[in-house]
Amino acid sequence: TPIDTVRDTEDRLRFKQRLDEIGVKTARSEACDSVEAVRAAVAAIGLPVILRAAYSLGGKGSAICETDGELEAALLRAFGGGTAQVLVEESLRGWKELEYEVVRDGRDNCITVCNMENFDPMGIHTGESIVVAPSQTLDDDEYQMLRSIAIKTVRHIGIVGECNIQYALDPKSRDYRVIEINARLSRSSAL
């Protein structure tokens, strides 16, 4: 996988811009590099929001904020830990959380090795949730839709090798958002 592709998946603004190029939905969001910028983004998007720290593992520096008080505490944690960029995004709490493992080779062949579903909905950090493989609640249309989006996205971004793509799926419709792509092996690859 090229270095620029890794940057595209780790930098929240670049990630959103790249997926916008192919019409793949991401959460309404704004990448911010200061406390003041985060406050302005929250005012535009409206509470509740999720703060996601860029270039971090395991959700470090990230938080769900439903009140101004929670926002202020989260800002201290996020920027106090040395984070240079925080993504402010719409809250998708309660949506299904799904993940597809995808492998793409140097000749553009793609396979989805597995898909997984978190037992808990969005709002519980994936590292603290039971993951079931394969998913149990998707119908075939939902499964194929997310699989097609995964392959389209991996090809567009330019990943070569293994990656995973994480989704939020509205349980009451077919509305979805791509939450993140890990352009590397991850803990879920072991499944």
Foldseek 3Di string as FASTA:
>chain_A
DDPVLQVCQQQVVSVCVLCVVVPAAAFPKDKDQDLVVLVVGCVVQDPFKWKAFGPDPPRQLIDTDHDPVSSVVSRCRNVVVPGRMIMIGDDLAPFWKKKWKWAAAPVGDIDTPWMKTWPHAPPDRSVPTDIDIHDDPDDPVLVVVVVVSVSVSCVSSPQHGIKMWMKTAHPVDRDIHTHGMRSDDDPVNVD
